Amino acid sequence: MMTDPATAIKSEVFHLIDQQIETLRREGHLTDTDLDQFRLRSGRISDLYQEHDRIVRSRISPLLRLARAS
């Protein structure tokens, strides 16, 4: 069974957010590596949300055109 791309993106985002939360829950100071990974995950989350938005818009756009034509 193939996973819907939007669903796969949401799953990855949720996983990345869980990692972000775990990083912030650590006791003590975060290392430079922790902070770098945090920033990278943050950027990846933003990229994934943009891709998710593009996918959803591409699905909705034909429906909107169809509704306007009616």
PDB file of N, CA and C in Angstrom:
ATOM      1  N   MET A   1       0.842  -1.182   0.000  1.00  0.00           N
ATOM      2  CA  MET A   1       0.000   0.000   0.000  1.00  0.00           C
ATOM      3  C   MET A   1       0.887   1.245   0.000  1.00  0.00           C
ATOM      4  N   MET A   2       0.609   2.178  -0.906  1.00  0.00           N
ATOM      5  CA  MET A   2       1.379   3.414  -0.984  1.00  0.00           C
ATOM      6  C   MET A   2       0.807   4.444  -0.014  1.00  0.00           C
ATOM      7  N   THR A   3       1.713   5.163   0.593  1.00  0.00           N
ATOM      8  CA  THR A   3       1.307   6.217   1.511  1.00  0.00           C
ATOM      9  C   THR A   3       1.097   7.503   0.725  1.00  0.00           C
ATOM     10  N   ASP A   4       0.019   8.188   1.029  1.00  0.00           N
ATOM     11  CA  ASP A   4      -0.259   9.481   0.441  1.00  0.00           C
ATOM     12  C   ASP A   4       0.893  10.432   0.783  1.00  0.00           C
ATOM     13  N   PRO A   5       1.416  11.194  -0.188  1.00  0.00           N
ATOM     14  CA  PRO A   5       2.538  12.095   0.106  1.00  0.00           C
ATOM     15  C   PRO A   5       2.252  13.079   1.239  1.00  0.00           C
ATOM     16  N   ALA A   6       1.051  13.610   1.287  1.00  0.00           N
ATOM     17  CA  ALA A   6       0.715  14.558   2.354  1.00  0.00           C
ATOM     18  C   ALA A   6       0.751  13.873   3.716  1.00  0.00           C
ATOM     19  N   THR A   7       0.294  12.633   3.767  1.00  0.00           N
ATOM     20  CA  THR A   7       0.313  11.879   5.019  1.00  0.00           C
ATOM     21  C   THR A   7       1.743  11.567   5.436  1.00  0.00           C
ATOM     22  N   ALA A   8       2.575  11.215   4.477  1.00  0.00           N
ATOM     23  CA  ALA A   8       3.983  10.929   4.772  1.00  0.00           C
ATOM     24  C   ALA A   8       4.680  12.182   5.311  1.00  0.00           C
ATOM     25  N   ILE A   9       4.360  13.325   4.724  1.00  0.00           N
ATOM     26  CA  ILE A   9       4.944  14.583   5.193  1.00  0.00           C
ATOM     27  C   ILE A   9       4.502  14.867   6.621  1.00  0.00           C
ATOM     28  N   LYS A  10       3.221  14.705   6.887  1.00  0.00           N
ATOM     29  CA  LYS A  10       2.721  14.953   8.251  1.00  0.00           C
ATOM     30  C   LYS A  10       3.412  14.038   9.253  1.00  0.00           C
ATOM     31  N   SER A  11       3.595  12.788   8.889  1.00  0.00           N
ATOM     32  CA  SER A  11       4.264  11.843   9.792  1.00  0.00           C
ATOM     33  C   SER A  11       5.696  12.281  10.080  1.00  0.00           C
ATOM     34  N   GLU A  12       6.400  12.718   9.038  1.00  0.00           N
ATOM     35  CA  GLU A  12       7.778  13.176   9.240  1.00  0.00           C
ATOM     36  C   GLU A  12       7.819  14.427  10.105  1.00  0.00           C
ATOM     37  N   VAL A  13       6.878  15.342   9.873  1.00  0.00           N
ATOM     38  CA  VAL A  13       6.827  16.569  10.684  1.00  0.00           C
ATOM     39  C   VAL A  13       6.584  16.220  12.147  1.00  0.00           C
ATOM     40  N   PHE A  14       5.625  15.326  12.415  1.00  0.00           N
ATOM     41  CA  PHE A  14       5.347  14.940  13.798  1.00  0.00           C
ATOM     42  C   PHE A  14       6.579  14.327  14.449  1.00  0.00           C
ATOM     43  N   HIS A  15       7.311  13.502  13.695  1.00  0.00           N
ATOM     44  CA  HIS A  15       8.529  12.876  14.224  1.00  0.00           C
ATOM     45  C   HIS A  15       9.577  13.953  14.546  1.00  0.00           C
ATOM     46  N   LEU A  16       9.761  14.892  13.638  1.00  0.00           N
ATOM     47  CA  LEU A  16      10.731  15.963  13.863  1.00  0.00           C
ATOM     48  C   LEU A  16      10.340  16.835  15.056  1.00  0.00           C
ATOM     49  N   ILE A  17       9.051  17.105  15.193  1.00  0.00           N
ATOM     50  CA  ILE A  17       8.592  17.908  16.331  1.00  0.00           C
ATOM     51  C   ILE A  17       8.841  17.164  17.636  1.00  0.00           C
ATOM     52  N   ASP A  18       8.604  15.865  17.643  1.00  0.00           N
ATOM     53  CA  ASP A  18       8.909  15.070  18.840  1.00  0.00           C
ATOM     54  C   ASP A  18      10.384  15.175  19.197  1.00  0.00           C
ATOM     55  N   GLN A  19      11.245  15.136  18.184  1.00  0.00           N
ATOM     56  CA  GLN A  19      12.682  15.268  18.436  1.00  0.00           C
ATOM     57  C   GLN A  19      13.007  16.655  18.996  1.00  0.00           C
ATOM     58  N   GLN A  20      12.342  17.679  18.470  1.00  0.00           N
ATOM     59  CA  GLN A  20      12.564  19.033  18.980  1.00  0.00           C
ATOM     60  C   GLN A  20      12.177  19.125  20.458  1.00  0.00           C
ATOM     61  N   ILE A  21      11.037  18.553  20.781  1.00  0.00           N
ATOM     62  CA  ILE A  21      10.566  18.579  22.172  1.00  0.00           C
ATOM     63  C   ILE A  21      11.535  17.840  23.076  1.00  0.00           C
ATOM     64  N   GLU A  22      11.989  16.672  22.642  1.00  0.00           N
ATOM     65  CA  GLU A  22      12.943  15.896  23.448  1.00  0.00           C
ATOM     66  C   GLU A  22      14.235  16.683  23.667  1.00  0.00           C
ATOM     67  N   THR A  23      14.674  17.393  22.652  1.00  0.00           N
ATOM     68  CA  THR A  23      15.883  18.212  22.799  1.00  0.00           C
ATOM     69  C   THR A  23      15.688  19.272  23.871  1.00  0.00           C
ATOM     70  N   LEU A  24      14.531  19.915  23.864  1.00  0.00           N
ATOM     71  CA  LEU A  24      14.272  20.978  24.837  1.00  0.00           C
ATOM     72  C   LEU A  24      14.042  20.448  26.244  1.00  0.00           C
ATOM     73  N   ARG A  25      13.674  19.200  26.373  1.00  0.00           N
ATOM     74  CA  ARG A  25      13.444  18.609  27.692  1.00  0.00           C
ATOM     75  C   ARG A  25      14.735  18.150  28.371  1.00  0.00           C
ATOM     76  N   ARG A  26      15.808  18.092  27.625  1.00  0.00           N
ATOM     77  CA  ARG A  26      17.076  17.631  28.211  1.00  0.00           C
ATOM     78  C   ARG A  26      17.495  18.549  29.346  1.00  0.00           C
ATOM     79  N   GLU A  27      18.022  17.919  30.366  1.00  0.00           N
ATOM     80  CA  GLU A  27      18.518  18.703  31.496  1.00  0.00           C
ATOM     81  C   GLU A  27      19.908  19.231  31.172  1.00  0.00           C
ATOM     82  N   GLY A  28      20.214  20.354  31.733  1.00  0.00           N
ATOM     83  CA  GLY A  28      21.534  20.944  31.503  1.00  0.00           C
ATOM     84  C   GLY A  28      21.548  21.772  30.231  1.00  0.00           C
ATOM     85  N   HIS A  29      22.742  22.143  29.861  1.00  0.00           N
ATOM     86  CA  HIS A  29      22.924  22.991  28.680  1.00  0.00           C
ATOM     87  C   HIS A  29      22.942  22.156  27.412  1.00  0.00           C
ATOM     88  N   LEU A  30      22.433  22.744  26.358  1.00  0.00           N
ATOM     89  CA  LEU A  30      22.499  22.095  25.059  1.00  0.00           C
ATOM     90  C   LEU A  30      23.872  22.351  24.447  1.00  0.00           C
ATOM     91  N   THR A  31      24.394  21.352  23.782  1.00  0.00           N
ATOM     92  CA  THR A  31      25.692  21.500  23.128  1.00  0.00           C
ATOM     93  C   THR A  31      25.515  22.233  21.802  1.00  0.00           C
ATOM     94  N   ASP A  32      26.638  22.649  21.229  1.00  0.00           N
ATOM     95  CA  ASP A  32      26.577  23.287  19.912  1.00  0.00           C
ATOM     96  C   ASP A  32      25.973  22.331  18.882  1.00  0.00           C
ATOM     97  N   THR A  33      26.294  21.054  19.005  1.00  0.00           N
ATOM     98  CA  THR A  33      25.735  20.053  18.093  1.00  0.00           C
ATOM     99  C   THR A  33      24.230  19.951  18.263  1.00  0.00           C
ATOM    100  N   ASP A  34      23.757  19.953  19.525  1.00  0.00           N
ATOM    101  CA  ASP A  34      22.313  19.923  19.788  1.00  0.00           C
ATOM    102  C   ASP A  34      21.619  21.107  19.115  1.00  0.00           C
ATOM    103  N   LEU A  35      22.211  22.283  19.255  1.00  0.00           N
ATOM    104  CA  LEU A  35      21.616  23.490  18.684  1.00  0.00           C
ATOM    105  C   LEU A  35      21.632  23.455  17.158  1.00  0.00           C
ATOM    106  N   ASP A  36      22.737  22.966  16.585  1.00  0.00           N
ATOM    107  CA  ASP A  36      22.807  22.842  15.128  1.00  0.00           C
ATOM    108  C   ASP A  36      21.743  21.883  14.609  1.00  0.00           C
ATOM    109  N   GLN A  37      21.586  20.738  15.266  1.00  0.00           N
ATOM    110  CA  GLN A  37      20.578  19.767  14.861  1.00  0.00           C
ATOM    111  C   GLN A  37      19.172  20.345  15.032  1.00  0.00           C
ATOM    112  N   PHE A  38      18.970  21.101  16.109  1.00  0.00           N
ATOM    113  CA  PHE A  38      17.680  21.740  16.347  1.00  0.00           C
ATOM    114  C   PHE A  38      17.347  22.680  15.192  1.00  0.00           C
ATOM    115  N   ARG A  39      18.327  23.497  14.794  1.00  0.00           N
ATOM    116  CA  ARG A  39      18.119  24.439  13.686  1.00  0.00           C
ATOM    117  C   ARG A  39      17.848  23.703  12.376  1.00  0.00           C
ATOM    118  N   LEU A  40      18.589  22.639  12.127  1.00  0.00           N
ATOM    119  CA  LEU A  40      18.380  21.862  10.902  1.00  0.00           C
ATOM    120  C   LEU A  40      16.980  21.257  10.868  1.00  0.00           C
ATOM    121  N   ARG A  41      16.548  20.703  11.997  1.00  0.00           N
ATOM    122  CA  ARG A  41      15.195  20.134  12.058  1.00  0.00           C
ATOM    123  C   ARG A  41      14.148  21.220  11.859  1.00  0.00           C
ATOM    124  N   SER A  42      14.381  22.374  12.439  1.00  0.00           N
ATOM    125  CA  SER A  42      13.436  23.479  12.285  1.00  0.00           C
ATOM    126  C   SER A  42      13.295  23.868  10.815  1.00  0.00           C
ATOM    127  N   GLY A  43      14.404  23.954  10.131  1.00  0.00           N
ATOM    128  CA  GLY A  43      14.372  24.261   8.702  1.00  0.00           C
ATOM    129  C   GLY A  43      13.667  23.171   7.906  1.00  0.00           C
ATOM    130  N   ARG A  44      13.916  21.924   8.275  1.00  0.00           N
ATOM    131  CA  ARG A  44      13.267  20.799   7.590  1.00  0.00           C
ATOM    132  C   ARG A  44      11.755  20.835   7.818  1.00  0.00           C
ATOM    133  N   ILE A  45      11.334  21.161   9.033  1.00  0.00           N
ATOM    134  CA  ILE A  45       9.902  21.272   9.334  1.00  0.00           C
ATOM    135  C   ILE A  45       9.273  22.353   8.462  1.00  0.00           C
ATOM    136  N   SER A  46       9.918  23.490   8.339  1.00  0.00           N
ATOM    137  CA  SER A  46       9.399  24.573   7.494  1.00  0.00           C
ATOM    138  C   SER A  46       9.292  24.130   6.038  1.00  0.00           C
ATOM    139  N   ASP A  47      10.334  23.456   5.544  1.00  0.00           N
ATOM    140  CA  ASP A  47      10.322  22.970   4.162  1.00  0.00           C
ATOM    141  C   ASP A  47       9.180  21.975   3.941  1.00  0.00           C
ATOM    142  N   LEU A  48       8.996  21.077   4.903  1.00  0.00           N
ATOM    143  CA  LEU A  48       7.941  20.072   4.768  1.00  0.00           C
ATOM    144  C   LEU A  48       6.557  20.706   4.780  1.00  0.00           C
ATOM    145  N   TYR A  49       6.355  21.723   5.618  1.00  0.00           N
ATOM    146  CA  TYR A  49       5.055  22.405   5.635  1.00  0.00           C
ATOM    147  C   TYR A  49       4.798  23.113   4.304  1.00  0.00           C
ATOM    148  N   GLN A  50       5.834  23.689   3.710  1.00  0.00           N
ATOM    149  CA  GLN A  50       5.657  24.327   2.405  1.00  0.00           C
ATOM    150  C   GLN A  50       5.286  23.289   1.346  1.00  0.00           C
ATOM    151  N   GLU A  51       5.951  22.136   1.383  1.00  0.00           N
ATOM    152  CA  GLU A  51       5.638  21.065   0.433  1.00  0.00           C
ATOM    153  C   GLU A  51       4.222  20.542   0.656  1.00  0.00           C
ATOM    154  N   HIS A  52       3.835  20.379   1.907  1.00  0.00           N
ATOM    155  CA  HIS A  52       2.477  19.928   2.230  1.00  0.00           C
ATOM    156  C   HIS A  52       1.456  20.931   1.697  1.00  0.00           C
ATOM    157  N   ASP A  53       1.722  22.199   1.901  1.00  0.00           N
ATOM    158  CA  ASP A  53       0.818  23.250   1.418  1.00  0.00           C
ATOM    159  C   ASP A  53       0.694  23.186  -0.097  1.00  0.00           C
ATOM    160  N   ARG A  54       1.815  22.976  -0.793  1.00  0.00           N
ATOM    161  CA  ARG A  54       1.797  22.888  -2.253  1.00  0.00           C
ATOM    162  C   ARG A  54       0.942  21.707  -2.714  1.00  0.00           C
ATOM    163  N   ILE A  55       1.089  20.565  -2.050  1.00  0.00           N
ATOM    164  CA  ILE A  55       0.319  19.372  -2.407  1.00  0.00           C
ATOM    165  C   ILE A  55      -1.174  19.613  -2.205  1.00  0.00           C
ATOM    166  N   VAL A  56      -1.523  20.162  -1.060  1.00  0.00           N
ATOM    167  CA  VAL A  56      -2.940  20.391  -0.757  1.00  0.00           C
ATOM    168  C   VAL A  56      -3.533  21.412  -1.719  1.00  0.00           C
ATOM    169  N   ARG A  57      -2.799  22.469  -2.015  1.00  0.00           N
ATOM    170  CA  ARG A  57      -3.301  23.483  -2.958  1.00  0.00           C
ATOM    171  C   ARG A  57      -3.503  22.894  -4.349  1.00  0.00           C
ATOM    172  N   SER A  58      -2.600  21.999  -4.747  1.00  0.00           N
ATOM    173  CA  SER A  58      -2.740  21.400  -6.081  1.00  0.00           C
ATOM    174  C   SER A  58      -3.974  20.509  -6.156  1.00  0.00           C
ATOM    175  N   ARG A  59      -4.383  19.956  -5.034  1.00  0.00           N
ATOM    176  CA  ARG A  59      -5.594  19.130  -5.008  1.00  0.00           C
ATOM    177  C   ARG A  59      -6.857  19.988  -4.997  1.00  0.00           C
ATOM    178  N   ILE A  60      -6.791  21.115  -4.323  1.00  0.00           N
ATOM    179  CA  ILE A  60      -7.965  21.969  -4.163  1.00  0.00           C
ATOM    180  C   ILE A  60      -8.198  22.842  -5.392  1.00  0.00           C
ATOM    181  N   SER A  61      -7.127  23.270  -6.038  1.00  0.00           N
ATOM    182  CA  SER A  61      -7.233  24.186  -7.167  1.00  0.00           C
ATOM    183  C   SER A  61      -8.191  23.700  -8.262  1.00  0.00           C
ATOM    184  N   PRO A  62      -8.095  22.446  -8.712  1.00  0.00           N
ATOM    185  CA  PRO A  62      -9.053  21.991  -9.733  1.00  0.00           C
ATOM    186  C   PRO A  62     -10.504  22.017  -9.238  1.00  0.00           C
ATOM    187  N   LEU A  63     -10.705  21.744  -7.976  1.00  0.00           N
ATOM    188  CA  LEU A  63     -12.057  21.780  -7.424  1.00  0.00           C
ATOM    189  C   LEU A  63     -12.612  23.192  -7.425  1.00  0.00           C
ATOM    190  N   LEU A  64     -11.767  24.160  -7.116  1.00  0.00           N
ATOM    191  CA  LEU A  64     -12.203  25.556  -7.132  1.00  0.00           C
ATOM    192  C   LEU A  64     -12.540  26.005  -8.548  1.00  0.00           C
ATOM    193  N   ARG A  65     -11.712  25.605  -9.514  1.00  0.00           N
ATOM    194  CA  ARG A  65     -11.998  25.951 -10.921  1.00  0.00           C
ATOM    195  C   ARG A  65     -13.313  25.327 -11.369  1.00  0.00           C
ATOM    196  N   LEU A  66     -13.541  24.091 -10.982  1.00  0.00           N
ATOM    197  CA  LEU A  66     -14.769  23.402 -11.340  1.00  0.00           C
ATOM    198  C   LEU A  66     -15.989  24.099 -10.723  1.00  0.00           C
ATOM    199  N   ALA A  67     -15.844  24.516  -9.468  1.00  0.00           N
ATOM    200  CA  ALA A  67     -16.953  25.185  -8.785  1.00  0.00           C
ATOM    201  C   ALA A  67     -17.252  26.536  -9.442  1.00  0.00           C
ATOM    202  N   ARG A  68     -16.220  27.242  -9.857  1.00  0.00           N
ATOM    203  CA  ARG A  68     -16.433  28.538 -10.504  1.00  0.00           C
ATOM    204  C   ARG A  68     -17.084  28.386 -11.875  1.00  0.00           C
ATOM    205  N   ALA A  69     -16.770  27.277 -12.542  1.00  0.00           N
ATOM    206  CA  ALA A  69     -17.322  27.031 -13.886  1.00  0.00           C
ATOM    207  C   ALA A  69     -18.787  26.652 -13.834  1.00  0.00           C
ATOM    208  N   SER A  70     -19.235  26.188 -12.688  1.00  0.00           N
ATOM    209  CA  SER A  70     -20.637  25.732 -12.569  1.00  0.00           C
ATOM    210  C   SER A  70     -21.610  26.861 -12.449  1.00  0.00           C
TER     211      SER A  70
END
